[in-house]
C-alpha cells in the first residue's frame, strides 16, 4: 500500500515538473538606475540631489577655509601670542574641527534621507506602470537588473526603455494638467 502511494506521488511530481517545463514562463528585467538617469522625473531627482550635495559641500568647504585660516594664524603668530591667547586660538581650532565633523555627518544623513525620500517617491510612481506592462506582455516575473546578479541575458528581456517611455508620458501628461 505504501509503495503504491509513493509511486503515485512520484508520478504526480514528475508529471507536474514536465508540465511546468513545457509552459514557457516569461520573465523580464528592469534597470532602475537607467530609469533614474534617463527619465524626466529621474533627471530632476538627480539634479536636486546634486544641488543639495553641492550646497552641503560648499558649506563644509567654507568651514574648512575658516579652520585653515585659524591654523595658519596659530602657525605664524603663535610664537608672539600670550599663552592665554594661544590656548584660546587652539580651543577655537579644536572646536572648529569638531563642528566640521558634525557638519559632515549631518550632511551625509540629510543627503541619504532626501535620496531615500525621492527614490521612494519615484518607485511608487513606477510600480503601476511596471505592473501594467507585466500584465500586457504576460510576464510572470520581472527582476531588478541591479540586484538580480545577472551576468548575461537576452536584451529582449529588458523592459527598461518601455518603462521610461511610459513614465515620461505619465509625467508629461500630469504636468500639463496642473
C-alpha atoms as a PDB file:
ATOM      1  CA  UNK A   1       0.000   0.000   0.000  1.00  0.00           C
ATOM      2  CA  UNK A   2       2.754   2.461   0.947  1.00  0.00           C
ATOM      3  CA  UNK A   3       4.591   1.519  -2.212  1.00  0.00           C
ATOM      4  CA  UNK A   4       1.542   2.341  -4.375  1.00  0.00           C
ATOM      5  CA  UNK A   5       1.063   5.747  -2.691  1.00  0.00           C
ATOM      6  CA  UNK A   6       4.746   6.536  -3.131  1.00  0.00           C
ATOM      7  CA  UNK A   7       4.605   5.533  -6.796  1.00  0.00           C
ATOM      8  CA  UNK A   8       1.514   7.651  -7.437  1.00  0.00           C
ATOM      9  CA  UNK A   9       3.045  10.670  -5.686  1.00  0.00           C
ATOM     10  CA  UNK A  10       6.281  10.283  -7.607  1.00  0.00           C
ATOM     11  CA  UNK A  11       4.356  10.077 -10.876  1.00  0.00           C
ATOM     12  CA  UNK A  12       2.383  13.230  -9.991  1.00  0.00           C
ATOM     13  CA  UNK A  13       5.542  15.148  -9.132  1.00  0.00           C
ATOM     14  CA  UNK A  14       7.216  14.095 -12.376  1.00  0.00           C
ATOM     15  CA  UNK A  15       4.132  14.988 -14.423  1.00  0.00           C
ATOM     16  CA  UNK A  16       3.841  18.424 -12.833  1.00  0.00           C
ATOM     17  CA  UNK A  17       7.542  19.065 -13.447  1.00  0.00           C
ATOM     18  CA  UNK A  18       7.052  18.021 -17.082  1.00  0.00           C
ATOM     19  CA  UNK A  19       4.039  20.319 -17.499  1.00  0.00           C
ATOM     20  CA  UNK A  20       5.906  23.239 -15.920  1.00  0.00           C
ATOM     21  CA  UNK A  21       8.867  22.629 -18.209  1.00  0.00           C
ATOM     22  CA  UNK A  22       6.563  22.661 -21.250  1.00  0.00           C
ATOM     23  CA  UNK A  23       4.957  26.019 -20.391  1.00  0.00           C
ATOM     24  CA  UNK A  24       7.314  28.874 -21.006  1.00  0.00           C
ATOM     25  CA  UNK A  25       7.451  31.321 -18.137  1.00  0.00           C
ATOM     26  CA  UNK A  26       8.039  34.817 -19.444  1.00  0.00           C
ATOM     27  CA  UNK A  27      10.496  36.852 -17.482  1.00  0.00           C
ATOM     28  CA  UNK A  28      11.779  40.372 -17.903  1.00  0.00           C
ATOM     29  CA  UNK A  29      14.267  42.695 -16.281  1.00  0.00           C
ATOM     30  CA  UNK A  30      14.304  46.376 -15.487  1.00  0.00           C
ATOM     31  CA  UNK A  31      17.278  48.585 -14.707  1.00  0.00           C
ATOM     32  CA  UNK A  32      16.115  51.152 -12.119  1.00  0.00           C
ATOM     33  CA  UNK A  33      19.391  53.066 -12.406  1.00  0.00           C
ATOM     34  CA  UNK A  34      18.773  53.598 -16.120  1.00  0.00           C
ATOM     35  CA  UNK A  35      15.203  54.732 -15.390  1.00  0.00           C
ATOM     36  CA  UNK A  36      16.558  57.236 -12.889  1.00  0.00           C
ATOM     37  CA  UNK A  37      19.194  58.551 -15.287  1.00  0.00           C
ATOM     38  CA  UNK A  38      17.032  58.692 -18.409  1.00  0.00           C
ATOM     39  CA  UNK A  39      13.525  59.594 -17.271  1.00  0.00           C
ATOM     40  CA  UNK A  40      12.339  63.185 -16.927  1.00  0.00           C
ATOM     41  CA  UNK A  41      11.460  62.784 -13.244  1.00  0.00           C
ATOM     42  CA  UNK A  42      14.632  60.811 -12.547  1.00  0.00           C
ATOM     43  CA  UNK A  43      16.810  63.544 -14.037  1.00  0.00           C
ATOM     44  CA  UNK A  44      15.040  66.111 -11.844  1.00  0.00           C
ATOM     45  CA  UNK A  45      15.656  63.983  -8.758  1.00  0.00           C
ATOM     46  CA  UNK A  46      19.327  63.531  -9.619  1.00  0.00           C
ATOM     47  CA  UNK A  47      19.657  67.291 -10.179  1.00  0.00           C
ATOM     48  CA  UNK A  48      18.006  68.019  -6.799  1.00  0.00           C
ATOM     49  CA  UNK A  49      20.350  65.598  -5.053  1.00  0.00           C
ATOM     50  CA  UNK A  50      23.391  67.042  -6.834  1.00  0.00           C
ATOM     51  CA  UNK A  51      22.372  70.582  -5.849  1.00  0.00           C
ATOM     52  CA  UNK A  52      21.848  69.511  -2.242  1.00  0.00           C
ATOM     53  CA  UNK A  53      25.214  67.781  -2.178  1.00  0.00           C
ATOM     54  CA  UNK A  54      26.903  70.813  -3.748  1.00  0.00           C
ATOM     55  CA  UNK A  55      25.335  73.169  -1.174  1.00  0.00           C
ATOM     56  CA  UNK A  56      26.429  70.933   1.706  1.00  0.00           C
ATOM     57  CA  UNK A  57      29.932  70.633   0.234  1.00  0.00           C
ATOM     58  CA  UNK A  58      30.205  74.413  -0.198  1.00  0.00           C
ATOM     59  CA  UNK A  59      29.251  74.959   3.442  1.00  0.00           C
ATOM     60  CA  UNK A  60      31.819  72.411   4.613  1.00  0.00           C
ATOM     61  CA  UNK A  61      34.481  73.928   2.343  1.00  0.00           C
ATOM     62  CA  UNK A  62      33.797  77.380   3.853  1.00  0.00           C
ATOM     63  CA  UNK A  63      34.220  75.929   7.332  1.00  0.00           C
ATOM     64  CA  UNK A  64      37.468  74.231   6.278  1.00  0.00           C
ATOM     65  CA  UNK A  65      38.825  77.526   4.930  1.00  0.00           C
ATOM     66  CA  UNK A  66      37.988  79.177   8.262  1.00  0.00           C
ATOM     67  CA  UNK A  67      39.796  76.354  10.051  1.00  0.00           C
ATOM     68  CA  UNK A  68      42.771  76.702   7.742  1.00  0.00           C
ATOM     69  CA  UNK A  69      42.924  80.436   8.442  1.00  0.00           C
ATOM     70  CA  UNK A  70      42.856  79.790  12.196  1.00  0.00           C
ATOM     71  CA  UNK A  71      45.602  77.157  11.899  1.00  0.00           C
ATOM     72  CA  UNK A  72      47.691  79.466   9.742  1.00  0.00           C
ATOM     73  CA  UNK A  73      47.257  82.256  12.296  1.00  0.00           C
ATOM     74  CA  UNK A  74      48.416  79.915  15.044  1.00  0.00           C
ATOM     75  CA  UNK A  75      51.411  78.855  12.978  1.00  0.00           C
ATOM     76  CA  UNK A  76      52.527  82.359  12.009  1.00  0.00           C
ATOM     77  CA  UNK A  77      51.597  84.295  15.121  1.00  0.00           C
ATOM     78  CA  UNK A  78      51.597  81.614  17.775  1.00  0.00           C
ATOM     79  CA  UNK A  79      55.081  82.385  18.998  1.00  0.00           C
ATOM     80  CA  UNK A  80      54.296  86.044  19.560  1.00  0.00           C
ATOM     81  CA  UNK A  81      50.989  85.446  21.347  1.00  0.00           C
ATOM     82  CA  UNK A  82      50.492  85.245  25.031  1.00  0.00           C
ATOM     83  CA  UNK A  83      49.865  81.765  26.437  1.00  0.00           C
ATOM     84  CA  UNK A  84      46.211  82.619  27.066  1.00  0.00           C
ATOM     85  CA  UNK A  85      45.691  83.917  23.513  1.00  0.00           C
ATOM     86  CA  UNK A  86      47.460  80.885  22.013  1.00  0.00           C
ATOM     87  CA  UNK A  87      45.327  78.493  24.137  1.00  0.00           C
ATOM     88  CA  UNK A  88      42.187  80.380  23.163  1.00  0.00           C
ATOM     89  CA  UNK A  89      43.082  80.092  19.470  1.00  0.00           C
ATOM     90  CA  UNK A  90      43.872  76.382  19.865  1.00  0.00           C
ATOM     91  CA  UNK A  91      40.490  75.924  21.541  1.00  0.00           C
ATOM     92  CA  UNK A  92      38.791  77.655  18.572  1.00  0.00           C
ATOM     93  CA  UNK A  93      40.663  75.352  16.170  1.00  0.00           C
ATOM     94  CA  UNK A  94      39.633  72.234  18.076  1.00  0.00           C
ATOM     95  CA  UNK A  95      36.043  73.450  18.254  1.00  0.00           C
ATOM     96  CA  UNK A  96      36.007  74.214  14.518  1.00  0.00           C
ATOM     97  CA  UNK A  97      37.348  70.707  13.748  1.00  0.00           C
ATOM     98  CA  UNK A  98      34.603  69.124  15.833  1.00  0.00           C
ATOM     99  CA  UNK A  99      31.964  71.328  14.199  1.00  0.00           C
ATOM    100  CA  UNK A 100      33.192  70.340  10.740  1.00  0.00           C
ATOM    101  CA  UNK A 101      32.978  66.643  11.630  1.00  0.00           C
ATOM    102  CA  UNK A 102      29.439  67.130  12.930  1.00  0.00           C
ATOM    103  CA  UNK A 103      28.501  69.045   9.792  1.00  0.00           C
ATOM    104  CA  UNK A 104      29.886  66.274   7.563  1.00  0.00           C
ATOM    105  CA  UNK A 105      27.897  63.656   9.439  1.00  0.00           C
ATOM    106  CA  UNK A 106      24.716  65.767   9.346  1.00  0.00           C
ATOM    107  CA  UNK A 107      25.186  66.439   5.619  1.00  0.00           C
ATOM    108  CA  UNK A 108      25.604  62.726   4.879  1.00  0.00           C
ATOM    109  CA  UNK A 109      22.483  61.897   6.866  1.00  0.00           C
ATOM    110  CA  UNK A 110      20.453  64.646   5.179  1.00  0.00           C
ATOM    111  CA  UNK A 111      21.571  63.624   1.698  1.00  0.00           C
ATOM    112  CA  UNK A 112      20.764  59.980   2.462  1.00  0.00           C
ATOM    113  CA  UNK A 113      17.352  60.932   3.836  1.00  0.00           C
ATOM    114  CA  UNK A 114      16.499  63.099   0.824  1.00  0.00           C
ATOM    115  CA  UNK A 115      17.758  60.405  -1.539  1.00  0.00           C
ATOM    116  CA  UNK A 116      15.622  57.721   0.098  1.00  0.00           C
ATOM    117  CA  UNK A 117      12.591  60.031   0.115  1.00  0.00           C
ATOM    118  CA  UNK A 118      12.886  60.988  -3.554  1.00  0.00           C
ATOM    119  CA  UNK A 119      13.746  57.481  -4.733  1.00  0.00           C
ATOM    120  CA  UNK A 120      10.838  56.097  -2.724  1.00  0.00           C
ATOM    121  CA  UNK A 121       8.556  58.555  -4.487  1.00  0.00           C
ATOM    122  CA  UNK A 122       9.749  57.516  -7.951  1.00  0.00           C
ATOM    123  CA  UNK A 123       9.442  53.830  -7.007  1.00  0.00           C
ATOM    124  CA  UNK A 124       5.802  54.331  -6.019  1.00  0.00           C
ATOM    125  CA  UNK A 125       5.125  56.085  -9.309  1.00  0.00           C
ATOM    126  CA  UNK A 126       6.804  53.332 -11.343  1.00  0.00           C
ATOM    127  CA  UNK A 127       5.036  50.425  -9.652  1.00  0.00           C
ATOM    128  CA  UNK A 128       1.686  50.707 -11.507  1.00  0.00           C
ATOM    129  CA  UNK A 129       3.484  51.215 -14.832  1.00  0.00           C
ATOM    130  CA  UNK A 130       5.588  48.093 -14.321  1.00  0.00           C
ATOM    131  CA  UNK A 131       2.546  46.064 -13.228  1.00  0.00           C
ATOM    132  CA  UNK A 132       0.609  47.195 -16.304  1.00  0.00           C
ATOM    133  CA  UNK A 133       3.461  46.195 -18.636  1.00  0.00           C
ATOM    134  CA  UNK A 134       3.735  42.839 -16.873  1.00  0.00           C
ATOM    135  CA  UNK A 135       0.027  42.177 -17.423  1.00  0.00           C
ATOM    136  CA  UNK A 136       0.039  43.375 -21.035  1.00  0.00           C
ATOM    137  CA  UNK A 137       3.001  41.238 -22.002  1.00  0.00           C
ATOM    138  CA  UNK A 138       2.024  38.196 -19.943  1.00  0.00           C
ATOM    139  CA  UNK A 139       5.229  38.367 -17.926  1.00  0.00           C
ATOM    140  CA  UNK A 140       5.371  36.151 -14.858  1.00  0.00           C
ATOM    141  CA  UNK A 141       8.415  37.697 -13.163  1.00  0.00           C
ATOM    142  CA  UNK A 142      10.279  40.994 -13.515  1.00  0.00           C
ATOM    143  CA  UNK A 143      13.736  41.172 -11.978  1.00  0.00           C
ATOM    144  CA  UNK A 144      15.599  44.268 -10.823  1.00  0.00           C
ATOM    145  CA  UNK A 145      18.706  44.081 -13.009  1.00  0.00           C
ATOM    146  CA  UNK A 146      20.865  45.862 -10.436  1.00  0.00           C
ATOM    147  CA  UNK A 147      20.009  43.329  -7.723  1.00  0.00           C
ATOM    148  CA  UNK A 148      19.400  40.113  -9.657  1.00  0.00           C
ATOM    149  CA  UNK A 149      23.056  39.240 -10.144  1.00  0.00           C
ATOM    150  CA  UNK A 150      22.576  38.812 -13.892  1.00  0.00           C
ATOM    151  CA  UNK A 151      25.799  38.044 -15.717  1.00  0.00           C
ATOM    152  CA  UNK A 152      24.412  37.856 -19.249  1.00  0.00           C
ATOM    153  CA  UNK A 153      20.956  37.913 -20.807  1.00  0.00           C
ATOM    154  CA  UNK A 154      18.977  38.325 -23.986  1.00  0.00           C
ATOM    155  CA  UNK A 155      18.484  42.090 -24.421  1.00  0.00           C
ATOM    156  CA  UNK A 156      14.857  41.486 -25.480  1.00  0.00           C
ATOM    157  CA  UNK A 157      14.063  40.691 -21.825  1.00  0.00           C
ATOM    158  CA  UNK A 158      14.880  44.268 -20.785  1.00  0.00           C
ATOM    159  CA  UNK A 159      11.723  46.406 -20.466  1.00  0.00           C
ATOM    160  CA  UNK A 160      13.560  49.434 -19.052  1.00  0.00           C
ATOM    161  CA  UNK A 161      13.134  51.621 -22.148  1.00  0.00           C
ATOM    162  CA  UNK A 162       9.408  50.870 -22.280  1.00  0.00           C
ATOM    163  CA  UNK A 163       9.072  51.791 -18.592  1.00  0.00           C
ATOM    164  CA  UNK A 164      10.973  55.058 -19.179  1.00  0.00           C
ATOM    165  CA  UNK A 165       8.783  55.873 -22.185  1.00  0.00           C
ATOM    166  CA  UNK A 166       5.555  55.331 -20.256  1.00  0.00           C
ATOM    167  CA  UNK A 167       6.842  57.071 -17.139  1.00  0.00           C
ATOM    168  CA  UNK A 168       7.845  60.140 -19.146  1.00  0.00           C
ATOM    169  CA  UNK A 169       4.450  60.143 -20.871  1.00  0.00           C
ATOM    170  CA  UNK A 170       2.711  59.946 -17.483  1.00  0.00           C
ATOM    171  CA  UNK A 171       4.804  62.758 -16.004  1.00  0.00           C
ATOM    172  CA  UNK A 172       4.313  64.982 -19.068  1.00  0.00           C
ATOM    173  CA  UNK A 173       0.557  64.462 -19.088  1.00  0.00           C
ATOM    174  CA  UNK A 174       0.493  65.110 -15.323  1.00  0.00           C
ATOM    175  CA  UNK A 175       2.415  68.349 -15.804  1.00  0.00           C
ATOM    176  CA  UNK A 176       0.014  69.612 -18.479  1.00  0.00           C
ATOM    177  CA  UNK A 177      -2.988  69.037 -16.202  1.00  0.00           C
ATOM    178  CA  UNK A 178      -1.564  71.169 -13.403  1.00  0.00           C
END
